[in-house]
All heavy atoms as atom14 arrays in JSON, in Angstrom:
{
  "sequence": "DAGDARYTFEPSFAYFRGSGWQREDLVAPARQLAAILAQCGVHMPR",
  "atom14_mask": [
    [1, 1, 1, 1, 1, 1, 1, 1, 0, 0, 0, 0, 0, 0],
    [1, 1, 1, 1, 1, 0, 0, 0, 0, 0, 0, 0, 0, 0],
    [1, 1, 1, 1, 0, 0, 0, 0, 0, 0, 0, 0, 0, 0],
    [1, 1, 1, 1, 1, 1, 1, 1, 0, 0, 0, 0, 0, 0],
    [1, 1, 1, 1, 1, 0, 0, 0, 0, 0, 0, 0, 0, 0],
    [1, 1, 1, 1, 1, 1, 1, 1, 1, 1, 1, 0, 0, 0],
    [1, 1, 1, 1, 1, 1, 1, 1, 1, 1, 1, 1, 0, 0],
    [1, 1, 1, 1, 1, 1, 1, 0, 0, 0, 0, 0, 0, 0],
    [1, 1, 1, 1, 1, 1, 1, 1, 1, 1, 1, 0, 0, 0],
    [1, 1, 1, 1, 1, 1, 1, 1, 1, 0, 0, 0, 0, 0],
    [1, 1, 1, 1, 1, 1, 1, 0, 0, 0, 0, 0, 0, 0],
    [1, 1, 1, 1, 1, 1, 0, 0, 0, 0, 0, 0, 0, 0],
    [1, 1, 1, 1, 1, 1, 1, 1, 1, 1, 1, 0, 0, 0],
    [1, 1, 1, 1, 1, 0, 0, 0, 0, 0, 0, 0, 0, 0],
    [1, 1, 1, 1, 1, 1, 1, 1, 1, 1, 1, 1, 0, 0],
    [1, 1, 1, 1, 1, 1, 1, 1, 1, 1, 1, 0, 0, 0],
    [1, 1, 1, 1, 1, 1, 1, 1, 1, 1, 1, 0, 0, 0],
    [1, 1, 1, 1, 0, 0, 0, 0, 0, 0, 0, 0, 0, 0],
    [1, 1, 1, 1, 1, 1, 0, 0, 0, 0, 0, 0, 0, 0],
    [1, 1, 1, 1, 0, 0, 0, 0, 0, 0, 0, 0, 0, 0],
    [1, 1, 1, 1, 1, 1, 1, 1, 1, 1, 1, 1, 1, 1],
    [1, 1, 1, 1, 1, 1, 1, 1, 1, 0, 0, 0, 0, 0],
    [1, 1, 1, 1, 1, 1, 1, 1, 1, 1, 1, 0, 0, 0],
    [1, 1, 1, 1, 1, 1, 1, 1, 1, 0, 0, 0, 0, 0],
    [1, 1, 1, 1, 1, 1, 1, 1, 0, 0, 0, 0, 0, 0],
    [1, 1, 1, 1, 1, 1, 1, 1, 0, 0, 0, 0, 0, 0],
    [1, 1, 1, 1, 1, 1, 1, 0, 0, 0, 0, 0, 0, 0],
    [1, 1, 1, 1, 1, 0, 0, 0, 0, 0, 0, 0, 0, 0],
    [1, 1, 1, 1, 1, 1, 1, 0, 0, 0, 0, 0, 0, 0],
    [1, 1, 1, 1, 1, 0, 0, 0, 0, 0, 0, 0, 0, 0],
    [1, 1, 1, 1, 1, 1, 1, 1, 1, 1, 1, 0, 0, 0],
    [1, 1, 1, 1, 1, 1, 1, 1, 1, 0, 0, 0, 0, 0],
    [1, 1, 1, 1, 1, 1, 1, 1, 0, 0, 0, 0, 0, 0],
    [1, 1, 1, 1, 1, 0, 0, 0, 0, 0, 0, 0, 0, 0],
    [1, 1, 1, 1, 1, 0, 0, 0, 0, 0, 0, 0, 0, 0],
    [1, 1, 1, 1, 1, 1, 1, 1, 0, 0, 0, 0, 0, 0],
    [1, 1, 1, 1, 1, 1, 1, 1, 0, 0, 0, 0, 0, 0],
    [1, 1, 1, 1, 1, 0, 0, 0, 0, 0, 0, 0, 0, 0],
    [1, 1, 1, 1, 1, 1, 1, 1, 1, 0, 0, 0, 0, 0],
    [1, 1, 1, 1, 1, 1, 0, 0, 0, 0, 0, 0, 0, 0],
    [1, 1, 1, 1, 0, 0, 0, 0, 0, 0, 0, 0, 0, 0],
    [1, 1, 1, 1, 1, 1, 1, 0, 0, 0, 0, 0, 0, 0],
    [1, 1, 1, 1, 1, 1, 1, 1, 1, 1, 0, 0, 0, 0],
    [1, 1, 1, 1, 1, 1, 1, 1, 0, 0, 0, 0, 0, 0],
    [1, 1, 1, 1, 1, 1, 1, 0, 0, 0, 0, 0, 0, 0],
    [1, 1, 1, 1, 1, 1, 1, 1, 1, 1, 1, 0, 0, 0]
  ],
  "atom14_positions": [
    [[-24.13, -29.72, 28.39], [-24.77, -29.02, 29.49], [-24.32, -27.74, 29.97], [-24.49, -27.44, 31.16], [-24.9, -30.06, 30.71], [-25.75, -31.23, 30.31], [-26.59, -31.27, 29.47], [-25.55, -32.42, 31.0], [0.0, 0.0, 0.0], [0.0, 0.0, 0.0], [0.0, 0.0, 0.0], [0.0, 0.0, 0.0], [0.0, 0.0, 0.0], [0.0, 0.0, 0.0]],
    [[-23.58, -27.07, 29.08], [-23.05, -25.76, 29.52], [-24.17, -24.68, 29.91], [-23.94, -24.02, 30.95], [-22.31, -25.24, 28.34], [0.0, 0.0, 0.0], [0.0, 0.0, 0.0], [0.0, 0.0, 0.0], [0.0, 0.0, 0.0], [0.0, 0.0, 0.0], [0.0, 0.0, 0.0], [0.0, 0.0, 0.0], [0.0, 0.0, 0.0], [0.0, 0.0, 0.0]],
    [[-25.27, -24.77, 29.25], [-26.34, -23.97, 29.7], [-25.96, -22.45, 29.74], [-25.28, -21.87, 28.97], [0.0, 0.0, 0.0], [0.0, 0.0, 0.0], [0.0, 0.0, 0.0], [0.0, 0.0, 0.0], [0.0, 0.0, 0.0], [0.0, 0.0, 0.0], [0.0, 0.0, 0.0], [0.0, 0.0, 0.0], [0.0, 0.0, 0.0], [0.0, 0.0, 0.0]],
    [[-26.2, -21.92, 30.9], [-25.89, -20.58, 31.24], [-24.69, -20.57, 32.11], [-24.36, -19.59, 32.96], [-26.95, -19.84, 31.84], [-27.53, -20.38, 33.23], [-27.01, -21.51, 33.56], [-28.41, -19.91, 33.76], [0.0, 0.0, 0.0], [0.0, 0.0, 0.0], [0.0, 0.0, 0.0], [0.0, 0.0, 0.0], [0.0, 0.0, 0.0], [0.0, 0.0, 0.0]],
    [[-23.75, -21.44, 32.07], [-22.52, -21.57, 32.84], [-21.72, -20.26, 32.52], [-21.63, -19.8, 31.41], [-21.71, -22.82, 32.63], [0.0, 0.0, 0.0], [0.0, 0.0, 0.0], [0.0, 0.0, 0.0], [0.0, 0.0, 0.0], [0.0, 0.0, 0.0], [0.0, 0.0, 0.0], [0.0, 0.0, 0.0], [0.0, 0.0, 0.0], [0.0, 0.0, 0.0]],
    [[-21.19, -19.66, 33.61], [-20.41, -18.37, 33.5], [-18.93, -18.61, 33.5], [-18.12, -17.64, 33.16], [-20.84, -17.49, 34.71], [-22.29, -17.1, 34.7], [-22.6, -16.05, 35.74], [-22.36, -16.53, 37.08], [-21.54, -16.05, 37.96], [-20.77, -15.08, 37.66], [-21.36, -16.61, 39.12], [0.0, 0.0, 0.0], [0.0, 0.0, 0.0], [0.0, 0.0, 0.0]],
    [[-18.41, -19.74, 33.94], [-16.97, -19.98, 34.02], [-16.57, -21.42, 33.44], [-17.48, -22.32, 33.26], [-16.52, -20.13, 35.46], [-16.72, -18.73, 36.23], [-17.86, -18.52, 36.9], [-15.75, -17.8, 36.12], [-18.09, -17.28, 37.6], [-15.88, -16.55, 36.83], [-17.16, -16.37, 37.59], [-17.36, -15.16, 38.2], [0.0, 0.0, 0.0], [0.0, 0.0, 0.0]],
    [[-15.54, -21.47, 32.85], [-14.92, -22.72, 32.45], [-13.67, -23.11, 33.27], [-13.02, -22.25, 33.79], [-14.43, -22.59, 30.87], [-13.4, -21.59, 30.83], [-15.46, -22.21, 29.97], [0.0, 0.0, 0.0], [0.0, 0.0, 0.0], [0.0, 0.0, 0.0], [0.0, 0.0, 0.0], [0.0, 0.0, 0.0], [0.0, 0.0, 0.0], [0.0, 0.0, 0.0]],
    [[-13.48, -24.43, 33.33], [-12.64, -25.06, 34.17], [-11.86, -26.23, 33.37], [-12.52, -27.07, 32.9], [-13.22, -25.53, 35.45], [-12.21, -26.17, 36.5], [-11.07, -25.56, 36.83], [-12.53, -27.34, 37.07], [-10.2, -26.12, 37.72], [-11.7, -27.97, 38.01], [-10.53, -27.26, 38.39], [0.0, 0.0, 0.0], [0.0, 0.0, 0.0], [0.0, 0.0, 0.0]],
    [[-10.59, -26.12, 33.32], [-9.9, -27.12, 32.58], [-8.77, -27.76, 33.32], [-7.54, -27.39, 33.13], [-9.37, -26.63, 31.25], [-10.35, -26.04, 30.32], [-9.89, -25.6, 28.9], [-8.74, -25.95, 28.56], [-10.65, -25.04, 28.15], [0.0, 0.0, 0.0], [0.0, 0.0, 0.0], [0.0, 0.0, 0.0], [0.0, 0.0, 0.0], [0.0, 0.0, 0.0]],
    [[-8.98, -28.66, 34.29], [-7.85, -29.29, 35.02], [-7.11, -30.28, 34.14], [-7.61, -30.73, 33.15], [-8.57, -29.91, 36.16], [-10.04, -30.3, 35.6], [-10.31, -29.2, 34.67], [0.0, 0.0, 0.0], [0.0, 0.0, 0.0], [0.0, 0.0, 0.0], [0.0, 0.0, 0.0], [0.0, 0.0, 0.0], [0.0, 0.0, 0.0], [0.0, 0.0, 0.0]],
    [[-5.92, -30.73, 34.61], [-5.14, -31.7, 33.92], [-5.23, -33.04, 34.78], [-5.13, -32.86, 36.1], [-3.68, -31.18, 33.78], [-3.59, -30.09, 32.92], [0.0, 0.0, 0.0], [0.0, 0.0, 0.0], [0.0, 0.0, 0.0], [0.0, 0.0, 0.0], [0.0, 0.0, 0.0], [0.0, 0.0, 0.0], [0.0, 0.0, 0.0], [0.0, 0.0, 0.0]],
    [[-5.18, -34.13, 34.15], [-5.0, -35.47, 34.82], [-3.68, -35.96, 34.54], [-3.22, -35.88, 33.39], [-6.14, -36.33, 34.52], [-7.51, -36.02, 35.05], [-8.49, -36.81, 34.87], [-7.67, -34.98, 35.92], [-9.85, -36.55, 35.22], [-8.98, -34.65, 36.34], [-10.06, -35.59, 36.06], [0.0, 0.0, 0.0], [0.0, 0.0, 0.0], [0.0, 0.0, 0.0]],
    [[-3.02, -36.73, 35.47], [-1.74, -37.4, 35.09], [-1.72, -38.67, 35.9], [-2.13, -38.73, 37.07], [-0.53, -36.36, 35.43], [0.0, 0.0, 0.0], [0.0, 0.0, 0.0], [0.0, 0.0, 0.0], [0.0, 0.0, 0.0], [0.0, 0.0, 0.0], [0.0, 0.0, 0.0], [0.0, 0.0, 0.0], [0.0, 0.0, 0.0], [0.0, 0.0, 0.0]],
    [[-1.15, -39.72, 35.28], [-0.93, -40.94, 35.96], [0.22, -41.62, 35.35], [0.65, -41.43, 34.19], [-2.16, -42.01, 35.86], [-2.55, -42.32, 34.41], [-1.93, -43.51, 33.92], [-3.39, -41.64, 33.62], [-2.27, -44.01, 32.63], [-3.57, -42.0, 32.27], [-3.06, -43.26, 31.83], [-3.34, -43.57, 30.56], [0.0, 0.0, 0.0], [0.0, 0.0, 0.0]],
    [[0.89, -42.48, 36.16], [2.09, -43.2, 35.7], [1.74, -44.59, 35.13], [0.88, -45.2, 35.7], [3.17, -43.31, 36.76], [4.04, -42.22, 36.79], [3.88, -41.07, 37.46], [5.39, -42.38, 36.16], [4.75, -40.02, 37.42], [6.31, -41.28, 36.18], [5.93, -40.16, 36.7], [0.0, 0.0, 0.0], [0.0, 0.0, 0.0], [0.0, 0.0, 0.0]],
    [[2.28, -44.99, 34.06], [2.16, -46.38, 33.52], [2.58, -47.27, 34.59], [3.72, -47.16, 35.18], [2.96, -46.41, 32.14], [2.72, -47.73, 31.52], [3.55, -47.77, 30.27], [3.14, -46.56, 29.28], [3.81, -46.21, 28.18], [4.92, -46.71, 27.94], [3.38, -45.22, 27.42], [0.0, 0.0, 0.0], [0.0, 0.0, 0.0], [0.0, 0.0, 0.0]],
    [[1.9, -48.3, 34.76], [2.15, -49.26, 35.94], [1.63, -49.04, 37.19], [1.84, -49.65, 38.19], [0.0, 0.0, 0.0], [0.0, 0.0, 0.0], [0.0, 0.0, 0.0], [0.0, 0.0, 0.0], [0.0, 0.0, 0.0], [0.0, 0.0, 0.0], [0.0, 0.0, 0.0], [0.0, 0.0, 0.0], [0.0, 0.0, 0.0], [0.0, 0.0, 0.0]],
    [[0.96, -47.79, 37.41], [0.35, -47.34, 38.73], [-0.85, -48.09, 38.99], [-1.32, -47.95, 40.12], [0.22, -45.88, 38.73], [-0.89, -45.5, 37.72], [0.0, 0.0, 0.0], [0.0, 0.0, 0.0], [0.0, 0.0, 0.0], [0.0, 0.0, 0.0], [0.0, 0.0, 0.0], [0.0, 0.0, 0.0], [0.0, 0.0, 0.0], [0.0, 0.0, 0.0]],
    [[-1.56, -48.77, 38.12], [-2.79, -49.28, 38.38], [-3.93, -48.47, 37.71], [-5.08, -48.94, 37.77], [0.0, 0.0, 0.0], [0.0, 0.0, 0.0], [0.0, 0.0, 0.0], [0.0, 0.0, 0.0], [0.0, 0.0, 0.0], [0.0, 0.0, 0.0], [0.0, 0.0, 0.0], [0.0, 0.0, 0.0], [0.0, 0.0, 0.0], [0.0, 0.0, 0.0]],
    [[-3.67, -47.3, 37.27], [-4.7, -46.45, 36.7], [-4.54, -46.62, 35.14], [-3.44, -46.73, 34.58], [-4.33, -45.11, 37.01], [-4.72, -44.68, 38.46], [-3.85, -44.62, 39.59], [-5.97, -44.4, 39.02], [-4.5, -44.31, 40.67], [-5.79, -44.09, 40.45], [-7.34, -44.27, 38.6], [-6.84, -43.78, 41.24], [-8.32, -44.0, 39.37], [-8.13, -43.76, 40.72]],
    [[-5.66, -46.59, 34.5], [-5.83, -46.46, 33.02], [-6.6, -45.23, 32.66], [-7.41, -44.75, 33.55], [-6.47, -47.75, 32.51], [-5.77, -49.04, 32.86], [-4.33, -49.2, 32.15], [-4.13, -48.59, 31.15], [-3.48, -49.99, 32.75], [0.0, 0.0, 0.0], [0.0, 0.0, 0.0], [0.0, 0.0, 0.0], [0.0, 0.0, 0.0], [0.0, 0.0, 0.0]],
    [[-6.5, -44.71, 31.4], [-7.31, -43.61, 31.17], [-8.75, -43.87, 31.13], [-9.57, -42.88, 31.58], [-6.85, -43.07, 29.79], [-7.14, -43.93, 28.59], [-6.72, -43.2, 27.31], [-6.96, -44.04, 26.16], [-6.75, -43.61, 24.98], [-6.07, -42.52, 24.78], [-7.08, -44.5, 23.99], [0.0, 0.0, 0.0], [0.0, 0.0, 0.0], [0.0, 0.0, 0.0]],
    [[-9.09, -45.11, 30.91], [-10.56, -45.45, 31.05], [-11.16, -45.31, 32.49], [-12.28, -45.01, 32.63], [-10.75, -46.95, 30.54], [-10.54, -47.02, 29.12], [-9.09, -47.19, 28.75], [-8.24, -47.21, 29.63], [-8.86, -47.18, 27.51], [0.0, 0.0, 0.0], [0.0, 0.0, 0.0], [0.0, 0.0, 0.0], [0.0, 0.0, 0.0], [0.0, 0.0, 0.0]],
    [[-10.24, -45.5, 33.4], [-10.6, -45.43, 34.9], [-11.02, -43.9, 35.17], [-11.72, -43.72, 36.28], [-9.49, -45.75, 35.76], [-9.05, -47.25, 35.57], [-9.93, -48.05, 35.13], [-8.0, -47.42, 35.75], [0.0, 0.0, 0.0], [0.0, 0.0, 0.0], [0.0, 0.0, 0.0], [0.0, 0.0, 0.0], [0.0, 0.0, 0.0], [0.0, 0.0, 0.0]],
    [[-10.56, -42.97, 34.43], [-10.72, -41.51, 34.8], [-12.16, -40.91, 34.11], [-12.49, -39.92, 34.64], [-9.56, -40.69, 34.25], [-8.17, -41.35, 34.57], [-7.13, -40.42, 33.97], [-8.05, -41.55, 36.11], [0.0, 0.0, 0.0], [0.0, 0.0, 0.0], [0.0, 0.0, 0.0], [0.0, 0.0, 0.0], [0.0, 0.0, 0.0], [0.0, 0.0, 0.0]],
    [[-12.72, -41.68, 33.23], [-13.86, -41.17, 32.61], [-15.04, -40.96, 33.6], [-15.57, -39.86, 33.58], [-14.34, -42.06, 31.55], [-15.63, -41.57, 30.88], [-13.21, -41.99, 30.46], [0.0, 0.0, 0.0], [0.0, 0.0, 0.0], [0.0, 0.0, 0.0], [0.0, 0.0, 0.0], [0.0, 0.0, 0.0], [0.0, 0.0, 0.0], [0.0, 0.0, 0.0]],
    [[-15.39, -41.98, 34.3], [-16.49, -41.98, 35.31], [-16.46, -40.8, 36.32], [-17.25, -40.03, 36.51], [-16.89, -43.26, 35.86], [0.0, 0.0, 0.0], [0.0, 0.0, 0.0], [0.0, 0.0, 0.0], [0.0, 0.0, 0.0], [0.0, 0.0, 0.0], [0.0, 0.0, 0.0], [0.0, 0.0, 0.0], [0.0, 0.0, 0.0], [0.0, 0.0, 0.0]],
    [[-15.2, -40.72, 37.05], [-14.98, -39.73, 38.03], [-15.03, -38.36, 37.27], [-15.57, -37.32, 37.93], [-13.55, -40.02, 38.55], [-13.51, -41.43, 38.29], [-14.1, -41.71, 37.01], [0.0, 0.0, 0.0], [0.0, 0.0, 0.0], [0.0, 0.0, 0.0], [0.0, 0.0, 0.0], [0.0, 0.0, 0.0], [0.0, 0.0, 0.0], [0.0, 0.0, 0.0]],
    [[-14.47, -38.05, 36.05], [-14.56, -36.92, 35.4], [-15.99, -36.45, 35.19], [-16.3, -35.27, 35.22], [-13.72, -36.93, 34.19], [0.0, 0.0, 0.0], [0.0, 0.0, 0.0], [0.0, 0.0, 0.0], [0.0, 0.0, 0.0], [0.0, 0.0, 0.0], [0.0, 0.0, 0.0], [0.0, 0.0, 0.0], [0.0, 0.0, 0.0], [0.0, 0.0, 0.0]],
    [[-16.74, -37.35, 34.78], [-18.17, -36.98, 34.38], [-18.91, -36.52, 35.72], [-19.72, -35.53, 35.75], [-18.79, -38.16, 33.88], [-18.68, -38.54, 32.45], [-19.24, -39.87, 31.96], [-18.9, -40.05, 30.51], [-19.21, -41.15, 29.9], [-19.74, -42.17, 30.56], [-18.91, -41.2, 28.62], [0.0, 0.0, 0.0], [0.0, 0.0, 0.0], [0.0, 0.0, 0.0]],
    [[-18.67, -37.22, 36.89], [-19.27, -36.85, 38.13], [-18.79, -35.51, 38.64], [-19.58, -34.59, 39.02], [-19.14, -37.95, 39.18], [-20.11, -37.73, 40.33], [-20.26, -38.95, 41.16], [-19.3, -39.84, 41.17], [-21.27, -39.06, 42.08], [0.0, 0.0, 0.0], [0.0, 0.0, 0.0], [0.0, 0.0, 0.0], [0.0, 0.0, 0.0], [0.0, 0.0, 0.0]],
    [[-17.51, -35.23, 38.46], [-16.88, -33.9, 38.66], [-17.64, -32.82, 37.86], [-17.92, -31.78, 38.4], [-15.41, -33.92, 38.34], [-14.72, -32.62, 38.31], [-14.71, -31.98, 39.7], [-13.33, -32.81, 37.79], [0.0, 0.0, 0.0], [0.0, 0.0, 0.0], [0.0, 0.0, 0.0], [0.0, 0.0, 0.0], [0.0, 0.0, 0.0], [0.0, 0.0, 0.0]],
    [[-17.87, -33.15, 36.62], [-18.46, -32.1, 35.78], [-19.91, -31.83, 36.24], [-20.21, -30.64, 36.33], [-18.49, -32.54, 34.39], [0.0, 0.0, 0.0], [0.0, 0.0, 0.0], [0.0, 0.0, 0.0], [0.0, 0.0, 0.0], [0.0, 0.0, 0.0], [0.0, 0.0, 0.0], [0.0, 0.0, 0.0], [0.0, 0.0, 0.0], [0.0, 0.0, 0.0]],
    [[-20.61, -32.77, 36.57], [-21.94, -32.64, 37.07], [-22.13, -31.85, 38.32], [-22.95, -31.08, 38.53], [-22.62, -34.11, 37.16], [0.0, 0.0, 0.0], [0.0, 0.0, 0.0], [0.0, 0.0, 0.0], [0.0, 0.0, 0.0], [0.0, 0.0, 0.0], [0.0, 0.0, 0.0], [0.0, 0.0, 0.0], [0.0, 0.0, 0.0], [0.0, 0.0, 0.0]],
    [[-21.18, -32.1, 39.17], [-21.14, -31.41, 40.51], [-20.9, -30.06, 40.37], [-21.49, -29.09, 41.02], [-20.27, -32.1, 41.51], [-20.82, -33.56, 41.79], [-20.01, -31.27, 42.8], [-19.83, -34.44, 42.64], [0.0, 0.0, 0.0], [0.0, 0.0, 0.0], [0.0, 0.0, 0.0], [0.0, 0.0, 0.0], [0.0, 0.0, 0.0], [0.0, 0.0, 0.0]],
    [[-19.81, -29.59, 39.63], [-19.37, -28.17, 39.44], [-20.47, -27.44, 38.58], [-20.46, -26.17, 38.83], [-17.94, -28.17, 38.78], [-16.82, -28.77, 39.61], [-15.56, -28.48, 38.81], [-16.8, -28.09, 40.87], [0.0, 0.0, 0.0], [0.0, 0.0, 0.0], [0.0, 0.0, 0.0], [0.0, 0.0, 0.0], [0.0, 0.0, 0.0], [0.0, 0.0, 0.0]],
    [[-21.19, -28.13, 37.84], [-22.27, -27.47, 37.1], [-23.24, -26.73, 38.06], [-23.86, -25.72, 37.61], [-23.0, -28.41, 36.24], [0.0, 0.0, 0.0], [0.0, 0.0, 0.0], [0.0, 0.0, 0.0], [0.0, 0.0, 0.0], [0.0, 0.0, 0.0], [0.0, 0.0, 0.0], [0.0, 0.0, 0.0], [0.0, 0.0, 0.0], [0.0, 0.0, 0.0]],
    [[-23.41, -27.1, 39.41], [-24.26, -26.44, 40.26], [-23.76, -24.94, 40.48], [-24.66, -24.15, 40.71], [-24.19, -27.13, 41.69], [-24.57, -28.54, 41.7], [-24.33, -29.1, 43.03], [-25.15, -28.81, 43.99], [-23.39, -30.0, 43.21], [0.0, 0.0, 0.0], [0.0, 0.0, 0.0], [0.0, 0.0, 0.0], [0.0, 0.0, 0.0], [0.0, 0.0, 0.0]],
    [[-22.52, -24.76, 40.24], [-21.99, -23.51, 40.51], [-21.74, -22.62, 39.19], [-21.04, -21.65, 39.19], [-20.64, -23.52, 41.24], [-20.74, -24.33, 42.83], [0.0, 0.0, 0.0], [0.0, 0.0, 0.0], [0.0, 0.0, 0.0], [0.0, 0.0, 0.0], [0.0, 0.0, 0.0], [0.0, 0.0, 0.0], [0.0, 0.0, 0.0], [0.0, 0.0, 0.0]],
    [[-22.34, -23.1, 38.14], [-22.16, -22.41, 36.82], [-20.78, -22.53, 36.26], [-20.32, -21.72, 35.6], [0.0, 0.0, 0.0], [0.0, 0.0, 0.0], [0.0, 0.0, 0.0], [0.0, 0.0, 0.0], [0.0, 0.0, 0.0], [0.0, 0.0, 0.0], [0.0, 0.0, 0.0], [0.0, 0.0, 0.0], [0.0, 0.0, 0.0], [0.0, 0.0, 0.0]],
    [[-20.19, -23.86, 36.47], [-18.8, -23.98, 36.09], [-18.89, -25.15, 34.91], [-19.48, -26.26, 35.24], [-17.84, -24.41, 37.14], [-16.47, -24.88, 36.65], [-17.65, -23.37, 38.23], [0.0, 0.0, 0.0], [0.0, 0.0, 0.0], [0.0, 0.0, 0.0], [0.0, 0.0, 0.0], [0.0, 0.0, 0.0], [0.0, 0.0, 0.0], [0.0, 0.0, 0.0]],
    [[-18.41, -24.84, 33.87], [-18.43, -25.86, 32.72], [-17.04, -26.32, 32.44], [-15.93, -25.47, 32.43], [-19.01, -25.17, 31.49], [-19.22, -26.11, 30.42], [-20.0, -27.14, 30.37], [-18.57, -26.16, 29.11], [-19.89, -27.86, 29.1], [-18.95, -27.25, 28.3], [0.0, 0.0, 0.0], [0.0, 0.0, 0.0], [0.0, 0.0, 0.0], [0.0, 0.0, 0.0]],
    [[-16.88, -27.59, 32.06], [-15.54, -28.12, 31.7], [-15.51, -28.53, 30.26], [-15.97, -29.5, 29.87], [-15.19, -29.31, 32.58], [-15.12, -29.06, 34.05], [-15.09, -30.48, 35.07], [-13.77, -31.41, 34.43], [0.0, 0.0, 0.0], [0.0, 0.0, 0.0], [0.0, 0.0, 0.0], [0.0, 0.0, 0.0], [0.0, 0.0, 0.0], [0.0, 0.0, 0.0]],
    [[-14.85, -27.66, 29.43], [-14.81, -27.97, 28.0], [-13.87, -29.25, 27.66], [-14.29, -29.97, 26.8], [-14.19, -26.73, 27.4], [-14.32, -25.64, 28.43], [-14.27, -26.32, 29.71], [0.0, 0.0, 0.0], [0.0, 0.0, 0.0], [0.0, 0.0, 0.0], [0.0, 0.0, 0.0], [0.0, 0.0, 0.0], [0.0, 0.0, 0.0], [0.0, 0.0, 0.0]],
    [[-12.86, -29.35, 28.53], [-12.0, -30.53, 28.25], [-11.13, -30.8, 29.44], [-10.9, -29.86, 30.42], [-11.09, -30.36, 27.05], [-10.23, -29.08, 27.17], [-9.51, -28.8, 25.91], [-8.75, -27.57, 25.95], [-8.26, -27.03, 24.89], [-8.19, -27.66, 23.69], [-7.53, -25.92, 25.05], [0.0, 0.0, 0.0], [0.0, 0.0, 0.0], [0.0, 0.0, 0.0]]
  ]
}
């Protein structure tokens, strides 16, 4: 959905083993983040 996005944004995620977080837990929040920032013409390649 990059469309006519003018900027790219590549944040990093980090979690500690044993913290209660798994990488699978991060997928849904990351997708919603990408959709919200798309309003401003910001695309997240990775």
